[in-house]
Protein backbone atom coordinates (compact mmCIF):
# COMPACT_ATOMS: atom_id res chain seq x y z
CA MET A 1 5.06 -44.82 -67.70
CA SER A 2 3.10 -46.96 -70.17
CA ASP A 3 1.49 -45.65 -73.34
CA THR A 4 -1.92 -45.78 -71.70
CA ASP A 5 -0.83 -44.36 -68.35
CA GLU A 6 -0.97 -40.65 -69.04
CA ALA A 7 0.10 -37.98 -66.61
CA SER A 8 -2.63 -35.76 -65.25
CA PRO A 9 -3.51 -33.07 -67.79
CA SER A 10 -3.52 -30.59 -64.90
CA ALA A 11 0.28 -30.95 -64.82
CA ALA A 12 0.55 -29.16 -68.17
CA PRO A 13 1.05 -25.58 -66.83
CA ALA A 14 3.90 -26.63 -64.55
CA VAL A 15 5.47 -28.73 -67.32
CA ALA A 16 5.17 -25.81 -69.76
CA ALA A 17 6.82 -23.38 -67.33
CA ARG A 18 9.70 -25.77 -66.66
CA LEU A 19 10.29 -26.60 -70.32
CA ARG A 20 10.06 -22.93 -71.32
CA ASP A 21 12.99 -22.17 -69.04
CA SER A 22 15.02 -25.21 -70.07
CA THR A 23 18.23 -24.84 -72.04
CA PRO A 24 17.08 -27.04 -74.99
CA PHE A 25 13.91 -25.02 -75.51
CA ARG A 26 15.76 -21.72 -75.18
CA ARG A 27 18.18 -22.88 -77.89
CA ALA A 28 15.30 -23.96 -80.11
CA GLU A 29 13.40 -20.73 -79.55
CA ALA A 30 16.52 -18.70 -80.37
CA ASP A 31 16.86 -20.61 -83.64
CA VAL A 32 13.25 -19.77 -84.55
CA HIS A 33 13.96 -16.06 -84.08
CA ASP A 34 17.44 -16.10 -85.62
CA ARG A 35 16.22 -17.84 -88.77
CA ASP A 36 12.99 -15.93 -89.14
CA GLU A 37 14.01 -14.63 -92.57
CA VAL A 38 14.73 -18.19 -93.67
CA THR A 39 11.23 -19.18 -92.60
CA LEU A 40 9.72 -16.26 -94.52
CA SER A 41 11.74 -17.16 -97.62
CA THR A 42 10.49 -20.74 -97.35
CA GLN A 43 6.93 -19.45 -96.96
CA ILE A 44 7.29 -17.39 -100.14
CA GLU A 45 8.92 -20.19 -102.13
CA LEU A 46 6.24 -22.74 -101.29
CA THR A 47 3.41 -20.26 -101.88
CA GLU A 48 4.72 -19.51 -105.37
CA ILE A 49 4.39 -23.18 -106.38
CA PRO A 50 0.77 -23.59 -107.56
CA ALA A 51 -1.21 -26.12 -105.53
CA PRO A 52 -4.82 -25.97 -106.76
CA PRO A 53 -7.38 -28.55 -105.63
CA PHE A 54 -6.20 -31.97 -106.89
CA GLY A 55 -3.03 -30.35 -108.24
CA GLU A 56 -0.71 -30.33 -105.23
CA GLU A 57 2.00 -32.59 -106.67
CA ALA A 58 4.63 -29.95 -107.52
CA ARG A 59 4.41 -28.27 -104.14
CA GLY A 60 4.42 -31.68 -102.48
CA LEU A 61 7.65 -32.63 -104.27
CA ARG A 62 9.36 -29.48 -103.04
CA MET A 63 8.05 -30.03 -99.53
CA ALA A 64 9.47 -33.56 -99.60
CA GLU A 65 12.89 -32.20 -100.62
CA MET A 66 12.82 -29.68 -97.78
CA MET A 67 11.90 -32.40 -95.28
CA ALA A 68 14.76 -34.56 -96.49
CA ASP A 69 17.19 -31.64 -96.26
CA LEU A 70 16.28 -31.33 -92.57
CA GLY A 71 17.25 -34.94 -91.95
CA LEU A 72 13.78 -36.37 -91.50
CA ILE A 73 13.63 -40.10 -92.13
CA ASP A 74 11.38 -42.58 -93.98
CA GLY A 75 9.97 -39.92 -96.26
CA GLU A 76 7.18 -40.94 -98.61
CA THR A 77 4.23 -39.69 -100.60
CA ASP A 78 1.24 -41.85 -99.78
CA ALA A 79 -1.49 -43.09 -102.11
CA GLU A 80 -3.55 -39.91 -101.71
CA GLY A 81 -0.63 -37.52 -102.22
CA ASN A 82 0.20 -36.62 -98.61
CA VAL A 83 3.91 -35.98 -98.06
CA LEU A 84 5.11 -37.75 -94.91
CA ALA A 85 8.32 -38.08 -92.92
CA TRP A 86 9.37 -38.92 -89.36
CA TYR A 87 11.38 -37.11 -86.73
CA PRO A 88 13.57 -39.81 -85.19
CA SER A 89 12.68 -40.88 -81.67
CA PRO A 90 13.86 -43.59 -79.31
CA GLY A 91 10.23 -44.26 -78.41
CA ALA A 92 9.57 -46.26 -81.55
CA GLY A 93 6.93 -48.40 -79.88
CA ALA A 94 4.80 -45.50 -78.65
CA ARG A 95 1.79 -44.12 -80.49
CA PRO A 96 3.02 -41.19 -82.58
CA MET A 97 2.10 -37.55 -82.44
CA VAL A 98 1.24 -35.95 -85.80
CA LEU A 99 2.26 -32.42 -86.78
CA SER A 100 0.57 -31.31 -89.99
CA ALA A 101 -0.03 -28.48 -92.46
CA HIS A 102 -1.90 -28.58 -95.77
CA LEU A 103 -0.42 -28.25 -99.24
CA ASP A 104 -3.46 -27.16 -101.22
CA THR A 105 -5.01 -23.74 -101.77
CA VAL A 106 -8.47 -22.64 -102.89
CA PHE A 107 -7.11 -21.06 -106.08
CA PRO A 108 -7.44 -22.59 -109.58
CA GLU A 109 -4.38 -23.52 -111.60
CA GLU A 110 -4.25 -20.33 -113.68
CA THR A 111 -4.03 -18.05 -110.61
CA ASP A 112 -0.96 -15.81 -110.40
CA VAL A 113 0.57 -16.93 -107.09
CA ARG A 114 3.62 -14.70 -107.14
CA VAL A 115 4.27 -13.07 -103.76
CA ARG A 116 4.89 -9.35 -103.40
CA ARG A 117 6.39 -7.46 -100.48
CA THR A 118 4.46 -4.33 -99.58
CA GLY A 119 6.02 -2.68 -96.57
CA ASP A 120 6.06 -5.29 -93.83
CA ARG A 121 3.47 -7.46 -95.56
CA LEU A 122 3.75 -10.40 -97.91
CA GLU A 123 0.90 -10.43 -100.43
CA GLY A 124 -0.09 -13.41 -102.54
CA PRO A 125 -2.81 -16.06 -102.85
CA GLY A 126 -2.22 -18.70 -100.18
CA ILE A 127 0.62 -16.87 -98.42
CA GLY A 128 -1.12 -17.36 -95.07
CA ASP A 129 -3.40 -20.32 -95.80
CA ASP A 130 -1.39 -22.42 -95.74
CA GLY A 131 1.98 -21.23 -96.91
CA ARG A 132 2.53 -20.08 -93.34
CA GLY A 133 1.65 -23.46 -91.87
CA LEU A 134 4.02 -25.34 -94.17
CA ALA A 135 6.92 -23.01 -93.42
CA ALA A 136 6.18 -23.16 -89.69
CA LEU A 137 6.19 -26.97 -89.75
CA LEU A 138 9.66 -26.97 -91.27
CA ALA A 139 10.84 -24.33 -88.79
CA VAL A 140 9.66 -26.46 -85.85
CA VAL A 141 11.61 -29.44 -87.15
CA ARG A 142 14.73 -27.35 -87.74
CA ALA A 143 14.58 -25.95 -84.20
CA LEU A 144 14.17 -29.44 -82.72
CA LYS A 145 17.29 -30.59 -84.55
CA VAL A 146 19.36 -27.50 -83.75
CA ALA A 147 18.62 -27.94 -80.04
CA ASP A 148 19.11 -31.73 -80.30
CA ILE A 149 15.76 -32.35 -78.61
CA ARG A 150 14.80 -36.02 -78.32
CA LEU A 151 11.09 -36.68 -78.05
CA ARG A 152 9.69 -39.62 -76.10
CA ARG A 153 7.24 -40.39 -78.88
CA PRO A 154 7.72 -40.64 -82.64
CA LEU A 155 6.65 -37.49 -84.47
CA LEU A 156 5.00 -37.90 -87.87
CA LEU A 157 5.23 -34.82 -90.10
CA ALA A 158 2.43 -34.61 -92.66
CA ALA A 159 1.86 -32.16 -95.50
CA THR A 160 -1.67 -33.04 -96.52
CA VAL A 161 -3.68 -32.63 -99.71
CA GLY A 162 -7.34 -31.78 -100.14
CA GLU A 163 -7.99 -29.61 -97.08
CA GLU A 164 -9.71 -26.86 -99.03
CA GLY A 165 -13.07 -26.77 -100.82
CA ILE A 166 -13.97 -29.76 -102.92
CA GLY A 167 -10.87 -31.57 -101.67
CA ASN A 168 -13.24 -32.75 -98.94
CA LEU A 169 -10.37 -33.44 -96.52
CA ARG A 170 -9.27 -36.34 -98.73
CA GLY A 171 -5.68 -36.21 -97.55
CA VAL A 172 -6.35 -36.36 -93.83
CA ARG A 173 -9.13 -38.90 -94.39
CA HIS A 174 -6.55 -41.20 -95.93
CA LEU A 175 -4.00 -40.39 -93.22
CA PHE A 176 -6.43 -41.66 -90.58
CA SER A 177 -7.86 -44.54 -92.60
CA ALA A 178 -6.99 -48.18 -91.95
CA ALA A 179 -4.21 -47.86 -94.55
CA GLY A 180 -2.90 -44.51 -93.31
CA ARG A 181 0.20 -43.78 -91.26
CA GLY A 182 -1.75 -41.71 -88.73
CA ARG A 183 -4.26 -44.39 -87.77
CA ASP A 184 -2.56 -45.10 -84.41
CA ALA A 185 -1.83 -41.47 -83.52
CA SER A 186 -2.03 -40.33 -79.91
CA ALA A 187 -2.66 -36.72 -80.97
CA PHE A 188 -2.94 -34.55 -84.09
CA LEU A 189 -1.73 -30.95 -84.23
CA SER A 190 -2.35 -28.99 -87.42
CA LEU A 191 -0.68 -25.68 -88.31
CA ASP A 192 -3.10 -23.65 -90.41
CA GLY A 193 -2.92 -19.93 -91.11
CA ALA A 194 -1.71 -17.21 -88.79
CA GLY A 195 -2.42 -15.99 -85.27
CA LEU A 196 -2.45 -17.89 -81.99
CA HIS A 197 -5.94 -19.40 -82.02
CA VAL A 198 -6.65 -22.94 -80.81
CA ILE A 199 -9.37 -24.72 -82.77
CA HIS A 200 -10.71 -27.59 -80.68
CA ARG A 201 -14.26 -27.77 -82.05
CA ALA A 202 -14.86 -28.91 -85.62
CA ILE A 203 -17.55 -27.30 -87.72
CA GLY A 204 -19.10 -29.95 -89.95
CA SER A 205 -20.50 -29.18 -93.39
CA ARG A 206 -22.52 -30.55 -96.27
CA ARG A 207 -21.72 -29.24 -99.76
CA PHE A 208 -23.91 -29.68 -102.82
CA ARG A 209 -24.04 -28.99 -106.53
CA ILE A 210 -27.63 -28.42 -107.60
CA THR A 211 -28.43 -28.74 -111.31
CA VAL A 212 -31.76 -27.85 -112.92
CA ASP A 213 -32.41 -29.09 -116.48
CA GLY A 214 -35.09 -28.01 -118.93
CA SER A 215 -35.73 -27.74 -122.66
CA GLY A 216 -34.63 -24.11 -123.06
CA GLY A 217 -35.71 -21.83 -125.87
CA HIS A 218 -36.08 -18.27 -127.12
CA SER A 219 -36.84 -15.68 -124.45
CA TRP A 220 -39.79 -14.32 -126.47
CA ALA A 221 -40.99 -17.01 -128.83
CA ASP A 222 -40.78 -19.76 -126.22
CA TRP A 223 -42.02 -17.78 -123.23
CA GLY A 224 -43.72 -20.19 -120.88
CA VAL A 225 -40.96 -22.79 -121.06
CA PRO A 226 -39.81 -23.08 -117.42
CA ASN A 227 -36.49 -21.35 -116.78
CA PRO A 228 -33.83 -23.24 -114.76
CA LEU A 229 -32.23 -19.99 -113.56
CA HIS A 230 -35.58 -18.66 -112.36
CA ALA A 231 -36.01 -21.91 -110.45
CA LEU A 232 -32.62 -21.53 -108.82
CA GLY A 233 -33.37 -17.91 -107.96
CA ASP A 234 -36.58 -19.01 -106.27
CA ALA A 235 -34.67 -21.81 -104.51
CA ILE A 236 -32.08 -19.36 -103.19
CA ALA A 237 -34.82 -17.11 -101.85
CA ARG A 238 -36.50 -20.07 -100.14
CA CYS A 239 -33.20 -21.25 -98.63
CA ASN A 240 -32.46 -17.70 -97.48
CA ALA A 241 -35.77 -17.70 -95.61
CA ILE A 242 -34.84 -20.81 -93.60
CA ARG A 243 -34.56 -19.93 -89.93
CA LEU A 244 -31.10 -21.19 -89.02
CA PRO A 245 -30.44 -22.92 -85.69
CA ARG A 246 -27.76 -21.46 -83.45
CA ALA A 247 -24.15 -21.81 -84.65
CA SER A 248 -25.06 -22.78 -88.21
CA THR A 249 -24.78 -21.16 -91.65
CA LEU A 250 -26.14 -21.59 -95.16
CA SER A 251 -24.43 -20.08 -98.18
CA VAL A 252 -24.60 -20.22 -101.98
CA GLY A 253 -21.07 -19.89 -103.34
CA ARG A 254 -21.41 -20.32 -107.12
CA LEU A 255 -24.20 -19.90 -109.68
CA SER A 256 -24.12 -20.28 -113.46
CA GLY A 257 -26.12 -21.25 -116.53
CA GLY A 258 -27.40 -20.18 -119.92
CA THR A 259 -25.80 -19.14 -123.18
CA SER A 260 -27.31 -15.75 -124.03
CA VAL A 261 -29.28 -12.89 -122.53
CA ASN A 262 -32.16 -13.62 -124.95
CA ALA A 263 -32.32 -17.36 -124.38
CA ILE A 264 -34.06 -19.49 -121.77
CA PRO A 265 -31.28 -21.74 -120.42
CA GLU A 266 -31.42 -25.48 -120.97
CA THR A 267 -29.53 -25.99 -117.72
CA ALA A 268 -28.34 -24.02 -114.70
CA TRP A 269 -26.44 -24.95 -111.58
CA MET A 270 -25.32 -23.65 -108.22
CA GLU A 271 -23.04 -24.81 -105.43
CA MET A 272 -23.94 -24.32 -101.81
CA GLU A 273 -23.09 -25.49 -98.33
CA VAL A 274 -24.55 -25.71 -94.85
CA ARG A 275 -22.38 -25.70 -91.72
CA SER A 276 -22.91 -26.48 -88.07
CA GLU A 277 -21.06 -27.68 -85.00
CA THR A 278 -23.53 -30.56 -84.52
CA GLU A 279 -24.44 -33.47 -86.76
CA ASP A 280 -28.16 -33.34 -85.93
CA VAL A 281 -28.39 -29.75 -87.14
CA LEU A 282 -26.59 -30.63 -90.37
CA ILE A 283 -29.08 -33.41 -91.05
CA GLU A 284 -31.98 -31.06 -90.34
CA LEU A 285 -30.59 -28.31 -92.58
CA GLU A 286 -29.97 -30.71 -95.44
CA GLU A 287 -33.57 -31.89 -95.26
CA ARG A 288 -34.88 -28.33 -95.26
CA VAL A 289 -32.66 -27.31 -98.16
CA ARG A 290 -33.80 -30.27 -100.23
CA ALA A 291 -37.44 -29.41 -99.46
CA ALA A 292 -36.85 -25.80 -100.53
CA LEU A 293 -35.29 -26.95 -103.80
CA GLU A 294 -38.13 -29.29 -104.60
CA SER A 295 -40.73 -26.61 -103.80
CA ALA A 296 -38.99 -24.15 -106.12
CA ILE A 297 -38.96 -26.66 -108.99
CA GLU A 298 -42.62 -27.55 -108.41
CA GLY A 299 -43.54 -23.87 -108.41
CA GLN A 300 -41.85 -23.22 -111.76
CA ASN A 301 -43.37 -26.33 -113.29
CA ARG A 302 -46.88 -25.36 -112.21
CA ARG A 303 -46.56 -22.11 -114.16
CA ARG A 304 -45.20 -23.65 -117.35
CA ALA A 305 -47.04 -23.31 -120.62
CA LYS A 306 -49.21 -26.17 -121.81
CA GLY A 307 -47.06 -28.86 -123.39
CA ALA A 308 -43.77 -27.43 -122.13
CA VAL A 309 -41.25 -29.91 -120.78
CA PRO A 310 -41.05 -29.70 -116.95
CA LEU A 311 -37.82 -28.92 -115.15
CA SER A 312 -35.85 -31.70 -113.47
CA LEU A 313 -33.62 -31.46 -110.40
CA ARG A 314 -30.31 -33.14 -109.58
CA VAL A 315 -28.54 -32.78 -106.23
CA GLU A 316 -24.95 -34.06 -106.03
CA SER A 317 -22.81 -34.17 -102.90
CA LEU A 318 -19.54 -32.23 -103.17
CA GLY A 319 -18.40 -33.04 -99.69
CA ASN A 320 -19.34 -34.11 -96.22
CA ARG A 321 -17.08 -32.80 -93.47
CA PRO A 322 -17.64 -34.45 -90.10
CA GLY A 323 -17.96 -32.43 -86.92
CA GLY A 324 -16.47 -33.22 -83.54
CA SER A 325 -14.52 -31.76 -80.67
CA THR A 326 -11.54 -32.31 -78.41
CA SER A 327 -12.30 -31.72 -74.75
CA THR A 328 -10.74 -28.71 -73.08
CA ASP A 329 -9.69 -31.16 -70.35
CA SER A 330 -7.73 -33.37 -72.75
CA PRO A 331 -3.93 -33.54 -72.46
CA LEU A 332 -3.65 -32.05 -75.96
CA VAL A 333 -5.75 -28.94 -75.37
CA ARG A 334 -4.29 -28.47 -71.89
CA SER A 335 -0.77 -28.71 -73.34
CA VAL A 336 -1.41 -26.15 -76.11
CA VAL A 337 -3.14 -23.73 -73.74
CA ALA A 338 -0.35 -24.11 -71.17
CA ALA A 339 2.33 -23.52 -73.81
CA THR A 340 0.51 -20.46 -75.13
CA GLU A 341 0.18 -18.93 -71.67
CA ALA A 342 3.72 -19.85 -70.63
CA LEU A 343 4.97 -17.73 -73.51
CA GLY A 344 2.89 -14.78 -72.36
CA HIS A 345 -0.08 -15.02 -74.70
CA ARG A 346 -3.78 -15.65 -74.25
CA ALA A 347 -5.16 -18.91 -75.59
CA SER A 348 -8.31 -18.27 -77.63
CA LEU A 349 -10.40 -21.46 -77.99
CA VAL A 350 -12.53 -21.39 -81.14
CA SER A 351 -14.32 -23.58 -83.68
CA SER A 352 -13.65 -23.95 -87.41
CA SER A 353 -13.47 -26.45 -90.25
CA THR A 354 -9.95 -27.83 -90.76
CA ASP A 355 -8.01 -31.05 -91.21
CA ALA A 356 -8.60 -31.68 -87.49
CA ASN A 357 -12.27 -32.47 -88.25
CA VAL A 358 -11.41 -36.00 -89.29
CA PRO A 359 -9.38 -37.21 -86.30
CA MET A 360 -11.82 -35.44 -83.95
CA SER A 361 -14.70 -37.37 -85.52
CA GLN A 362 -12.77 -40.60 -84.88
CA GLY A 363 -12.11 -39.81 -81.23
CA ILE A 364 -8.42 -38.95 -81.75
CA PRO A 365 -7.39 -35.83 -79.81
CA ALA A 366 -6.87 -33.11 -82.42
CA VAL A 367 -6.52 -29.34 -82.63
CA THR A 368 -5.59 -26.81 -85.28
CA ILE A 369 -3.53 -23.81 -84.26
CA GLY A 370 -2.34 -20.63 -85.95
CA ALA A 371 1.33 -20.38 -86.83
CA GLY A 372 1.91 -16.81 -85.67
CA GLY A 373 1.75 -13.47 -87.43
CA ARG A 374 -1.39 -11.98 -88.97
CA ILE A 375 -3.43 -12.80 -92.06
CA GLY A 376 -5.97 -10.83 -94.05
CA ALA A 377 -8.18 -11.29 -97.14
CA ALA A 378 -7.77 -15.07 -96.91
CA HIS A 379 -9.15 -17.10 -99.82
CA THR A 380 -8.87 -14.08 -102.13
CA ILE A 381 -6.13 -13.03 -104.55
CA ARG A 382 -5.47 -10.09 -102.18
CA GLU A 383 -4.44 -12.41 -99.33
CA TRP A 384 -1.67 -11.03 -97.15
CA TYR A 385 0.51 -12.09 -94.25
CA GLY A 386 2.08 -9.79 -91.65
CA ASN A 387 4.92 -11.21 -89.57
CA GLU A 388 4.27 -9.35 -86.31
CA GLY A 389 4.55 -12.11 -83.72
CA GLY A 390 5.37 -14.68 -86.39
CA PRO A 391 8.21 -16.39 -84.52
CA ASP A 392 6.00 -16.53 -81.39
CA GLY A 393 3.56 -18.80 -83.21
CA ILE A 394 6.30 -21.23 -84.19
CA ALA A 395 7.75 -21.22 -80.67
CA ARG A 396 4.25 -21.90 -79.32
CA ALA A 397 3.84 -24.89 -81.63
CA LEU A 398 7.24 -26.21 -80.58
CA LEU A 399 6.57 -25.83 -76.85
CA SER A 400 3.11 -27.40 -77.26
CA LEU A 401 4.71 -30.51 -78.74
CA LEU A 402 7.28 -30.73 -75.94
CA VAL A 403 4.65 -30.33 -73.22
CA LEU A 404 2.34 -32.89 -74.82
CA ASP A 405 5.20 -35.34 -75.30
CA GLU A 406 5.97 -35.19 -71.58
CA VAL A 407 2.35 -35.16 -70.36
CA LEU A 408 1.51 -38.23 -72.45
CA GLY A 409 4.61 -40.07 -71.29
CA THR A 410 6.16 -42.94 -73.20
């Protein structure tokens, strides 16, 4: 079968059932369960290495060592900081599959990332997102090697940077750029967080930092000088009044400014985002947000005292995440759904914003899946991971790869 002559995606359920009952998969699945404590220890170790936005290097170095210890070949850290390695395959000429998890967390450098065990839970910032994904990626590779499974296609393992927040997907953008190792990928499968969800629709977003500048002054003596924080408060109220289209959100995440309770600030700023599944809605929301901001500034300036310096507005882009989707009829989605159901679970198809946004936007089949277990309080210092069903998520990822590898052919 040629690289372009794919098997019918409808074959995925039968392929999944056959591979599930095969001796190699049974050996691999047994390894996942037998070494569950090893996977949890790896999850803890990686989580306890700080990986703030643009500060993923130390965790990346340890991830590279762990990849090498598993016998992966041609390891490298690319120009953006992604840690890459290959699972050997005789199908060197075929377009590779990519299995990924992200290195970074949302937490700043000074965050205490030590992990605590409380009953059957692991608690620590980033323990689920994406400490779980990184550990699961390594567990999949280990199980492949233990069972001596040879894939038809090369498998590129990628631990990416910049998935969270202001990272703006910089790692996966580079991975799928003209200079990136993933540019010729046949499919992209990302392990992110816990559970057994299947994200096949990408939520796009626009993120902004809005700064309002003025002259400032004393809260009594200079009353009438326009107040940047008042302007932002008015802007937030105006944005909050925007009637949102279906499947879209608008949120202010950060707000700051001023030096004292009895001073009119010289400057104030806020950070906000809009999200939607469709590009047209994102464009519309951005236009309406900008109009609301300008109206708020104009309103404050109209009320300023005679001779007072007017406020000025600056809007900076903090990120632009593309939307997209992978069809439910694609070999990739069919393979993941079939693998999930073959192992006795229900496949829940959902939308979110993940590393898969970028390949989806480029027409490369991509999904993000949970790596088993349960997660709570994500993106807070109270984040926790519960391992109920944890090995099932890793086995599902493994079987998904095997099914896809066969459905796509060589």
